[in-house]
Amino acid sequence: MIDWILRFIKGILIGSGFIVPGVSGGALAAVFGVYERIINFLANITRNFKENILYLIPLGLGGIFGVFIFSFVISYLMGTFYDYIIWLFIGCIIGTIPTLWKHAGKQGRSSKHVLILIISFVLSFLFLLFGQTLFESSIPQNFATWLLGGAMIGLGLIVPGLSTSNLLIYMGMYKDMADGIKDLDFMVIIPLLVGAILTVLLLSKLMAHIFKIAYTGLFHFILGVVFASTVIIIPKDFNYLSTGTIYCALLCIAGIALGYWMCSLEKKHKKE
């Protein structure tokens, strides 16, 4: 039961990664140690089907719950307590980095892999920093564009570190997406689901193959993206000389504790 609840909570946080700007659902799946299993299952659905389904059910339920819950609260929290909430997420990611670092090096680590990490960090940071100018134009919203939005959400799971929320914000679709999910608008929800599912099914085999032939390099690349996406979402306009800094620090510490605790429970209760 503890293991089931743990995976449900992870699913909630991973689901939030598809809603919260600057956070990647795929990166959160990686830092919580479930990314590989999800990708391998999607790439080989019939292999160990029952075992994988039972393992992934709480993750899926938590993910759906997280998307809906954060769609309801995102406008209020991000509008009123944006900086504090972002620092909570930053802390949560920081708390999981030691586990991700261990996963990245479990097949060995060399200077080449460290270089991959650095290059990944620099390129990801620059892309995220200047990316808004690439996606700032708004596009019409219809069934086809919501399919595109769903494809981006699918990419957010397949490509760790890719913040689909940022891309949707740049394209002027983010608020309407959150409102559509909150209001159960199936003209928004259905194409989002179709686009996401098709993208995941089409690209999961490719990612599984890359993991098979270049596990260590890919994971260090993921690390670079995670570091960059964490640094880039640090609130820059906040007055850090105010008393609010104390709340930011406390929430960050709480996030670190939460991330570390979840990873420690993963190691303790992980099924062989």
C-alpha atoms as a PDB file:
ATOM      1  CA  MET A   1       0.000   0.000   0.000  1.00  0.00           C
ATOM      2  CA  ILE A   2       2.869   2.388   0.807  1.00  0.00           C
ATOM      3  CA  ASP A   3       4.410   1.650  -2.579  1.00  0.00           C
ATOM      4  CA  TRP A   4       1.057   2.252  -4.327  1.00  0.00           C
ATOM      5  CA  ILE A   5       0.529   5.574  -2.521  1.00  0.00           C
ATOM      6  CA  LEU A   6       4.100   6.620  -3.304  1.00  0.00           C
ATOM      7  CA  ARG A   7       3.579   6.009  -7.027  1.00  0.00           C
ATOM      8  CA  PHE A   8       0.232   7.850  -6.912  1.00  0.00           C
ATOM      9  CA  ILE A   9       1.954  10.895  -5.363  1.00  0.00           C
ATOM     10  CA  LYS A  10       4.700  10.686  -7.971  1.00  0.00           C
ATOM     11  CA  GLY A  11       2.005  10.581 -10.638  1.00  0.00           C
ATOM     12  CA  ILE A  12       0.442  13.753  -9.237  1.00  0.00           C
ATOM     13  CA  LEU A  13       3.782  15.554  -9.357  1.00  0.00           C
ATOM     14  CA  ILE A  14       4.546  14.241 -12.849  1.00  0.00           C
ATOM     15  CA  GLY A  15       1.087  15.350 -13.985  1.00  0.00           C
ATOM     16  CA  SER A  16       1.792  18.793 -12.554  1.00  0.00           C
ATOM     17  CA  GLY A  17       4.830  18.936 -14.824  1.00  0.00           C
ATOM     18  CA  PHE A  18       2.487  19.140 -17.822  1.00  0.00           C
ATOM     19  CA  ILE A  19       0.648  22.108 -16.288  1.00  0.00           C
ATOM     20  CA  VAL A  20       3.143  24.121 -14.222  1.00  0.00           C
ATOM     21  CA  PRO A  21       5.210  26.478 -16.414  1.00  0.00           C
ATOM     22  CA  GLY A  22       8.923  25.714 -16.447  1.00  0.00           C
ATOM     23  CA  VAL A  23       8.506  22.170 -15.141  1.00  0.00           C
ATOM     24  CA  SER A  24       8.853  19.045 -17.312  1.00  0.00           C
ATOM     25  CA  GLY A  25       6.709  15.967 -16.727  1.00  0.00           C
ATOM     26  CA  GLY A  26       9.357  13.814 -18.413  1.00  0.00           C
ATOM     27  CA  ALA A  27      12.123  15.260 -16.237  1.00  0.00           C
ATOM     28  CA  LEU A  28      10.061  14.619 -13.098  1.00  0.00           C
ATOM     29  CA  ALA A  29       9.430  11.053 -14.274  1.00  0.00           C
ATOM     30  CA  ALA A  30      13.206  10.683 -14.677  1.00  0.00           C
ATOM     31  CA  VAL A  31      14.105  12.100 -11.280  1.00  0.00           C
ATOM     32  CA  PHE A  32      11.465   9.920  -9.602  1.00  0.00           C
ATOM     33  CA  GLY A  33      12.990   6.840 -11.211  1.00  0.00           C
ATOM     34  CA  VAL A  34      10.011   5.792 -13.358  1.00  0.00           C
ATOM     35  CA  TYR A  35      10.931   7.263 -16.762  1.00  0.00           C
ATOM     36  CA  GLU A  36      12.748   4.189 -18.063  1.00  0.00           C
ATOM     37  CA  ARG A  37       9.963   1.837 -17.033  1.00  0.00           C
ATOM     38  CA  ILE A  38       7.311   3.983 -18.696  1.00  0.00           C
ATOM     39  CA  ILE A  39       9.291   4.249 -21.940  1.00  0.00           C
ATOM     40  CA  ASN A  40      10.154   0.542 -22.014  1.00  0.00           C
ATOM     41  CA  PHE A  41       6.513  -0.370 -21.425  1.00  0.00           C
ATOM     42  CA  LEU A  42       5.268   1.931 -24.187  1.00  0.00           C
ATOM     43  CA  ALA A  43       7.923   0.616 -26.574  1.00  0.00           C
ATOM     44  CA  ASN A  44       7.073  -3.036 -25.761  1.00  0.00           C
ATOM     45  CA  ILE A  45       3.480  -3.028 -24.528  1.00  0.00           C
ATOM     46  CA  THR A  46       2.965  -6.804 -24.647  1.00  0.00           C
ATOM     47  CA  ARG A  47       6.127  -7.605 -22.640  1.00  0.00           C
ATOM     48  CA  ASN A  48       5.300  -8.211 -18.933  1.00  0.00           C
ATOM     49  CA  PHE A  49       1.966  -6.514 -19.655  1.00  0.00           C
ATOM     50  CA  LYS A  50       0.125  -7.403 -16.422  1.00  0.00           C
ATOM     51  CA  GLU A  51       3.079  -6.574 -14.146  1.00  0.00           C
ATOM     52  CA  ASN A  52       3.693  -3.238 -15.870  1.00  0.00           C
ATOM     53  CA  ILE A  53       0.019  -2.277 -15.904  1.00  0.00           C
ATOM     54  CA  LEU A  54      -0.292  -2.935 -12.168  1.00  0.00           C
ATOM     55  CA  TYR A  55       2.839  -0.877 -11.547  1.00  0.00           C
ATOM     56  CA  LEU A  56       1.767   2.031 -13.762  1.00  0.00           C
ATOM     57  CA  ILE A  57      -1.914   2.278 -12.751  1.00  0.00           C
ATOM     58  CA  PRO A  58      -1.262   4.471  -9.668  1.00  0.00           C
ATOM     59  CA  LEU A  59       1.151   6.601 -11.715  1.00  0.00           C
ATOM     60  CA  GLY A  60      -1.493   7.092 -14.400  1.00  0.00           C
ATOM     61  CA  LEU A  61      -4.261   7.852 -11.919  1.00  0.00           C
ATOM     62  CA  GLY A  62      -1.998  10.270 -10.077  1.00  0.00           C
ATOM     63  CA  GLY A  63      -1.006  11.920 -13.355  1.00  0.00           C
ATOM     64  CA  ILE A  64      -4.641  12.475 -14.371  1.00  0.00           C
ATOM     65  CA  PHE A  65      -5.453  13.740 -10.876  1.00  0.00           C
ATOM     66  CA  GLY A  66      -2.442  16.073 -10.952  1.00  0.00           C
ATOM     67  CA  VAL A  67      -3.388  17.543 -14.342  1.00  0.00           C
ATOM     68  CA  PHE A  68      -6.977  18.257 -13.258  1.00  0.00           C
ATOM     69  CA  ILE A  69      -6.104  19.545  -9.793  1.00  0.00           C
ATOM     70  CA  PHE A  70      -3.397  21.849 -11.082  1.00  0.00           C
ATOM     71  CA  SER A  71      -5.696  23.067 -13.851  1.00  0.00           C
ATOM     72  CA  PHE A  72      -8.104  24.209 -11.132  1.00  0.00           C
ATOM     73  CA  VAL A  73      -5.549  25.848  -8.876  1.00  0.00           C
ATOM     74  CA  ILE A  74      -2.918  27.015 -11.363  1.00  0.00           C
ATOM     75  CA  SER A  75      -4.544  30.342 -12.187  1.00  0.00           C
ATOM     76  CA  TYR A  76      -4.953  31.278  -8.531  1.00  0.00           C
ATOM     77  CA  LEU A  77      -1.656  29.992  -7.155  1.00  0.00           C
ATOM     78  CA  MET A  78       0.538  31.111 -10.033  1.00  0.00           C
ATOM     79  CA  GLY A  79      -1.243  34.465 -10.116  1.00  0.00           C
ATOM     80  CA  THR A  80      -1.058  35.118  -6.378  1.00  0.00           C
ATOM     81  CA  PHE A  81       1.860  33.052  -5.024  1.00  0.00           C
ATOM     82  CA  TYR A  82       3.890  32.423  -8.188  1.00  0.00           C
ATOM     83  CA  ASP A  83       7.374  32.867  -6.697  1.00  0.00           C
ATOM     84  CA  TYR A  84       6.667  30.757  -3.613  1.00  0.00           C
ATOM     85  CA  ILE A  85       5.170  27.863  -5.597  1.00  0.00           C
ATOM     86  CA  ILE A  86       8.070  27.894  -8.051  1.00  0.00           C
ATOM     87  CA  TRP A  87      10.570  27.671  -5.184  1.00  0.00           C
ATOM     88  CA  LEU A  88       8.675  24.657  -3.819  1.00  0.00           C
ATOM     89  CA  PHE A  89       9.080  22.920  -7.180  1.00  0.00           C
ATOM     90  CA  ILE A  90      12.730  23.934  -7.426  1.00  0.00           C
ATOM     91  CA  GLY A  91      13.346  22.371  -4.023  1.00  0.00           C
ATOM     92  CA  CYS A  92      11.539  19.191  -5.029  1.00  0.00           C
ATOM     93  CA  ILE A  93      13.728  18.846  -8.124  1.00  0.00           C
ATOM     94  CA  ILE A  94      16.911  19.557  -6.138  1.00  0.00           C
ATOM     95  CA  GLY A  95      15.963  16.849  -3.650  1.00  0.00           C
ATOM     96  CA  THR A  96      15.775  14.252  -6.417  1.00  0.00           C
ATOM     97  CA  ILE A  97      19.011  15.195  -8.224  1.00  0.00           C
ATOM     98  CA  PRO A  98      21.271  12.880  -6.136  1.00  0.00           C
ATOM     99  CA  THR A  99      19.166   9.897  -7.181  1.00  0.00           C
ATOM    100  CA  LEU A 100      19.192  10.985 -10.823  1.00  0.00           C
ATOM    101  CA  TRP A 101      22.997  11.411 -10.661  1.00  0.00           C
ATOM    102  CA  LYS A 102      23.303   7.873  -9.278  1.00  0.00           C
ATOM    103  CA  HIS A 103      21.044   6.507 -12.026  1.00  0.00           C
ATOM    104  CA  ALA A 104      23.092   8.306 -14.677  1.00  0.00           C
ATOM    105  CA  GLY A 105      26.345   6.701 -13.537  1.00  0.00           C
ATOM    106  CA  LYS A 106      25.176   3.185 -12.717  1.00  0.00           C
ATOM    107  CA  GLN A 107      26.878   1.862 -15.888  1.00  0.00           C
ATOM    108  CA  GLY A 108      30.001   3.933 -15.368  1.00  0.00           C
ATOM    109  CA  ARG A 109      30.919   7.574 -15.883  1.00  0.00           C
ATOM    110  CA  SER A 110      33.784   9.208 -17.791  1.00  0.00           C
ATOM    111  CA  SER A 111      34.938  12.730 -18.681  1.00  0.00           C
ATOM    112  CA  LYS A 112      33.056  12.353 -21.981  1.00  0.00           C
ATOM    113  CA  HIS A 113      29.778  11.972 -20.113  1.00  0.00           C
ATOM    114  CA  VAL A 114      30.514  14.987 -17.925  1.00  0.00           C
ATOM    115  CA  LEU A 115      31.171  16.964 -21.113  1.00  0.00           C
ATOM    116  CA  ILE A 116      27.806  15.800 -22.491  1.00  0.00           C
ATOM    117  CA  LEU A 117      26.176  17.053 -19.299  1.00  0.00           C
ATOM    118  CA  ILE A 118      27.849  20.477 -19.591  1.00  0.00           C
ATOM    119  CA  ILE A 119      26.974  20.867 -23.280  1.00  0.00           C
ATOM    120  CA  SER A 120      23.403  19.764 -22.592  1.00  0.00           C
ATOM    121  CA  PHE A 121      23.124  22.286 -19.760  1.00  0.00           C
ATOM    122  CA  VAL A 122      24.471  25.186 -21.842  1.00  0.00           C
ATOM    123  CA  LEU A 123      22.362  24.443 -24.927  1.00  0.00           C
ATOM    124  CA  SER A 124      19.203  23.815 -22.897  1.00  0.00           C
ATOM    125  CA  PHE A 125      19.740  26.967 -20.851  1.00  0.00           C
ATOM    126  CA  LEU A 126      20.216  29.095 -23.973  1.00  0.00           C
ATOM    127  CA  PHE A 127      17.180  27.553 -25.657  1.00  0.00           C
ATOM    128  CA  LEU A 128      14.968  28.113 -22.629  1.00  0.00           C
ATOM    129  CA  LEU A 129      16.353  31.616 -22.127  1.00  0.00           C
ATOM    130  CA  PHE A 130      15.779  32.790 -25.689  1.00  0.00           C
ATOM    131  CA  GLY A 131      13.047  30.345 -26.678  1.00  0.00           C
ATOM    132  CA  GLN A 132      10.229  32.755 -26.013  1.00  0.00           C
ATOM    133  CA  THR A 133      11.147  34.779 -29.092  1.00  0.00           C
ATOM    134  CA  LEU A 134      10.718  31.601 -31.171  1.00  0.00           C
ATOM    135  CA  PHE A 135       7.196  30.793 -29.942  1.00  0.00           C
ATOM    136  CA  GLU A 136       5.752  34.149 -28.920  1.00  0.00           C
ATOM    137  CA  SER A 137       3.268  34.455 -31.781  1.00  0.00           C
ATOM    138  CA  SER A 138      -0.240  33.276 -30.959  1.00  0.00           C
ATOM    139  CA  ILE A 139      -1.962  30.794 -33.280  1.00  0.00           C
ATOM    140  CA  PRO A 140      -5.673  30.069 -33.881  1.00  0.00           C
ATOM    141  CA  GLN A 141      -7.162  27.478 -31.557  1.00  0.00           C
ATOM    142  CA  ASN A 142      -9.110  24.648 -33.168  1.00  0.00           C
ATOM    143  CA  PHE A 143      -9.107  20.824 -33.254  1.00  0.00           C
ATOM    144  CA  ALA A 144      -5.876  20.718 -35.269  1.00  0.00           C
ATOM    145  CA  THR A 145      -3.967  23.106 -33.010  1.00  0.00           C
ATOM    146  CA  TRP A 146      -5.129  21.246 -29.918  1.00  0.00           C
ATOM    147  CA  LEU A 147      -3.790  18.064 -31.536  1.00  0.00           C
ATOM    148  CA  LEU A 148      -0.485  19.925 -31.822  1.00  0.00           C
ATOM    149  CA  GLY A 149      -0.771  20.920 -28.165  1.00  0.00           C
ATOM    150  CA  GLY A 150      -1.343  17.275 -27.230  1.00  0.00           C
ATOM    151  CA  ALA A 151       1.705  16.286 -29.278  1.00  0.00           C
ATOM    152  CA  MET A 152       3.765  18.761 -27.243  1.00  0.00           C
ATOM    153  CA  ILE A 153       2.454  17.243 -24.022  1.00  0.00           C
ATOM    154  CA  GLY A 154       3.470  13.810 -25.328  1.00  0.00           C
ATOM    155  CA  LEU A 155       6.930  15.164 -26.125  1.00  0.00           C
ATOM    156  CA  GLY A 156       7.129  16.423 -22.545  1.00  0.00           C
ATOM    157  CA  LEU A 157       6.947  12.802 -21.386  1.00  0.00           C
ATOM    158  CA  ILE A 158       9.199  11.354 -24.089  1.00  0.00           C
ATOM    159  CA  VAL A 159      11.866  14.084 -23.878  1.00  0.00           C
ATOM    160  CA  PRO A 160      12.835  14.722 -20.220  1.00  0.00           C
ATOM    161  CA  GLY A 161      13.394  18.403 -19.484  1.00  0.00           C
ATOM    162  CA  LEU A 162      11.084  19.707 -22.212  1.00  0.00           C
ATOM    163  CA  SER A 163       8.584  22.009 -20.534  1.00  0.00           C
ATOM    164  CA  THR A 164       5.503  21.796 -22.727  1.00  0.00           C
ATOM    165  CA  SER A 165       3.751  24.419 -20.617  1.00  0.00           C
ATOM    166  CA  ASN A 166       6.368  26.953 -21.660  1.00  0.00           C
ATOM    167  CA  LEU A 167       5.836  26.108 -25.333  1.00  0.00           C
ATOM    168  CA  LEU A 168       2.070  26.425 -24.966  1.00  0.00           C
ATOM    169  CA  ILE A 169       2.488  29.762 -23.203  1.00  0.00           C
ATOM    170  CA  TYR A 170       4.704  30.985 -26.039  1.00  0.00           C
ATOM    171  CA  MET A 171       2.022  29.950 -28.540  1.00  0.00           C
ATOM    172  CA  GLY A 172      -0.781  31.645 -26.596  1.00  0.00           C
ATOM    173  CA  MET A 173      -2.582  28.361 -25.856  1.00  0.00           C
ATOM    174  CA  TYR A 174      -1.742  27.771 -22.198  1.00  0.00           C
ATOM    175  CA  LYS A 175      -4.540  29.620 -20.389  1.00  0.00           C
ATOM    176  CA  ASP A 176      -7.256  28.291 -22.701  1.00  0.00           C
ATOM    177  CA  MET A 177      -5.856  24.765 -22.266  1.00  0.00           C
ATOM    178  CA  ALA A 178      -6.013  25.035 -18.473  1.00  0.00           C
ATOM    179  CA  ASP A 179      -9.532  26.509 -18.657  1.00  0.00           C
ATOM    180  CA  GLY A 180     -10.636  23.759 -21.079  1.00  0.00           C
ATOM    181  CA  ILE A 181      -9.403  20.987 -18.779  1.00  0.00           C
ATOM    182  CA  LYS A 182     -10.929  22.669 -15.732  1.00  0.00           C
ATOM    183  CA  ASP A 183     -14.310  23.128 -17.476  1.00  0.00           C
ATOM    184  CA  LEU A 184     -14.233  19.579 -18.975  1.00  0.00           C
ATOM    185  CA  ASP A 185     -14.380  21.000 -22.503  1.00  0.00           C
ATOM    186  CA  PHE A 186     -14.016  17.844 -24.590  1.00  0.00           C
ATOM    187  CA  MET A 187     -13.293  19.878 -27.726  1.00  0.00           C
ATOM    188  CA  VAL A 188     -10.027  20.695 -25.973  1.00  0.00           C
ATOM    189  CA  ILE A 189      -9.477  17.518 -23.940  1.00  0.00           C
ATOM    190  CA  ILE A 190     -10.066  14.948 -26.721  1.00  0.00           C
ATOM    191  CA  PRO A 191      -7.576  16.359 -29.267  1.00  0.00           C
ATOM    192  CA  LEU A 192      -5.054  16.898 -26.456  1.00  0.00           C
ATOM    193  CA  LEU A 193      -5.338  13.222 -25.467  1.00  0.00           C
ATOM    194  CA  VAL A 194      -5.186  11.978 -29.061  1.00  0.00           C
ATOM    195  CA  GLY A 195      -2.139  14.109 -29.866  1.00  0.00           C
ATOM    196  CA  ALA A 196      -0.339  13.072 -26.677  1.00  0.00           C
ATOM    197  CA  ILE A 197      -1.059   9.344 -27.060  1.00  0.00           C
ATOM    198  CA  LEU A 198      -0.039   9.221 -30.724  1.00  0.00           C
ATOM    199  CA  THR A 199       3.201  11.078 -30.028  1.00  0.00           C
ATOM    200  CA  VAL A 200       4.123   8.829 -27.106  1.00  0.00           C
ATOM    201  CA  LEU A 201       3.377   5.633 -29.030  1.00  0.00           C
ATOM    202  CA  LEU A 202       5.286   6.779 -32.125  1.00  0.00           C
ATOM    203  CA  LEU A 203       8.413   7.990 -30.319  1.00  0.00           C
ATOM    204  CA  SER A 204       8.700   5.652 -27.324  1.00  0.00           C
ATOM    205  CA  LYS A 205      10.456   2.919 -29.329  1.00  0.00           C
ATOM    206  CA  LEU A 206      13.037   5.436 -30.522  1.00  0.00           C
ATOM    207  CA  MET A 207      13.781   6.578 -26.965  1.00  0.00           C
ATOM    208  CA  ALA A 208      13.942   2.970 -25.731  1.00  0.00           C
ATOM    209  CA  HIS A 209      16.455   2.183 -28.498  1.00  0.00           C
ATOM    210  CA  ILE A 210      18.610   5.190 -27.581  1.00  0.00           C
ATOM    211  CA  PHE A 211      18.585   4.062 -23.951  1.00  0.00           C
ATOM    212  CA  LYS A 212      19.696   0.612 -25.032  1.00  0.00           C
ATOM    213  CA  ILE A 213      22.687   1.786 -27.082  1.00  0.00           C
ATOM    214  CA  ALA A 214      23.678   4.956 -25.178  1.00  0.00           C
ATOM    215  CA  TYR A 215      22.275   4.730 -21.653  1.00  0.00           C
ATOM    216  CA  THR A 216      24.966   6.704 -19.831  1.00  0.00           C
ATOM    217  CA  GLY A 217      25.261   9.443 -22.435  1.00  0.00           C
ATOM    218  CA  LEU A 218      21.495   9.938 -22.635  1.00  0.00           C
ATOM    219  CA  PHE A 219      21.085  10.107 -18.874  1.00  0.00           C
ATOM    220  CA  HIS A 220      23.855  12.703 -18.561  1.00  0.00           C
ATOM    221  CA  PHE A 221      22.142  14.648 -21.315  1.00  0.00           C
ATOM    222  CA  ILE A 222      18.946  14.456 -19.257  1.00  0.00           C
ATOM    223  CA  LEU A 223      20.849  15.688 -16.215  1.00  0.00           C
ATOM    224  CA  GLY A 224      22.009  18.754 -18.129  1.00  0.00           C
ATOM    225  CA  VAL A 225      18.461  19.507 -19.213  1.00  0.00           C
ATOM    226  CA  VAL A 226      17.163  19.057 -15.655  1.00  0.00           C
ATOM    227  CA  PHE A 227      19.823  21.417 -14.269  1.00  0.00           C
ATOM    228  CA  ALA A 228      19.078  24.023 -16.940  1.00  0.00           C
ATOM    229  CA  SER A 229      15.297  23.821 -16.569  1.00  0.00           C
ATOM    230  CA  THR A 230      15.685  24.188 -12.804  1.00  0.00           C
ATOM    231  CA  VAL A 231      17.955  27.231 -13.028  1.00  0.00           C
ATOM    232  CA  ILE A 232      15.845  28.936 -15.692  1.00  0.00           C
ATOM    233  CA  ILE A 233      12.639  28.936 -13.626  1.00  0.00           C
ATOM    234  CA  ILE A 234      14.219  30.727 -10.645  1.00  0.00           C
ATOM    235  CA  PRO A 235      12.055  33.848 -10.182  1.00  0.00           C
ATOM    236  CA  LYS A 236      14.108  36.855 -11.277  1.00  0.00           C
ATOM    237  CA  ASP A 237      11.775  39.747 -10.453  1.00  0.00           C
ATOM    238  CA  PHE A 238      11.231  38.748  -6.829  1.00  0.00           C
ATOM    239  CA  ASN A 239      12.522  41.115  -4.138  1.00  0.00           C
ATOM    240  CA  TYR A 240      14.925  38.832  -2.297  1.00  0.00           C
ATOM    241  CA  LEU A 241      15.632  41.559   0.262  1.00  0.00           C
ATOM    242  CA  SER A 242      12.063  41.275   1.555  1.00  0.00           C
ATOM    243  CA  THR A 243      10.716  38.976   4.261  1.00  0.00           C
ATOM    244  CA  GLY A 244       9.129  36.903   1.494  1.00  0.00           C
ATOM    245  CA  THR A 245      12.565  35.401   0.923  1.00  0.00           C
ATOM    246  CA  ILE A 246      12.106  33.475   4.169  1.00  0.00           C
ATOM    247  CA  TYR A 247       8.960  31.814   2.802  1.00  0.00           C
ATOM    248  CA  CYS A 248      10.734  31.012  -0.461  1.00  0.00           C
ATOM    249  CA  ALA A 249      13.599  29.407   1.476  1.00  0.00           C
ATOM    250  CA  LEU A 250      11.244  27.400   3.715  1.00  0.00           C
ATOM    251  CA  LEU A 251       9.241  26.132   0.752  1.00  0.00           C
ATOM    252  CA  CYS A 252      12.425  25.250  -1.097  1.00  0.00           C
ATOM    253  CA  ILE A 253      13.674  23.294   1.919  1.00  0.00           C
ATOM    254  CA  ALA A 254      10.285  21.565   2.178  1.00  0.00           C
ATOM    255  CA  GLY A 255      10.530  20.674  -1.510  1.00  0.00           C
ATOM    256  CA  ILE A 256      14.041  19.280  -1.076  1.00  0.00           C
ATOM    257  CA  ALA A 257      12.861  17.155   1.849  1.00  0.00           C
ATOM    258  CA  LEU A 258       9.856  15.922  -0.150  1.00  0.00           C
ATOM    259  CA  GLY A 259      11.947  15.016  -3.196  1.00  0.00           C
ATOM    260  CA  TYR A 260      14.612  13.268  -1.125  1.00  0.00           C
ATOM    261  CA  TRP A 261      12.013  11.404   0.947  1.00  0.00           C
ATOM    262  CA  MET A 262      10.202  10.137  -2.129  1.00  0.00           C
ATOM    263  CA  CYS A 263      13.464   8.901  -3.642  1.00  0.00           C
ATOM    264  CA  SER A 264      14.426   7.174  -0.391  1.00  0.00           C
ATOM    265  CA  LEU A 265      11.049   5.440  -0.291  1.00  0.00           C
ATOM    266  CA  GLU A 266      11.531   4.418  -3.911  1.00  0.00           C
ATOM    267  CA  LYS A 267      14.782   2.658  -3.003  1.00  0.00           C
ATOM    268  CA  LYS A 268      13.238   1.047   0.065  1.00  0.00           C
ATOM    269  CA  HIS A 269      10.033  -0.233  -1.513  1.00  0.00           C
ATOM    270  CA  LYS A 270      11.074  -0.685  -5.142  1.00  0.00           C
ATOM    271  CA  LYS A 271      10.063  -4.089  -6.458  1.00  0.00           C
ATOM    272  CA  GLU A 272      12.815  -6.121  -8.036  1.00  0.00           C
END
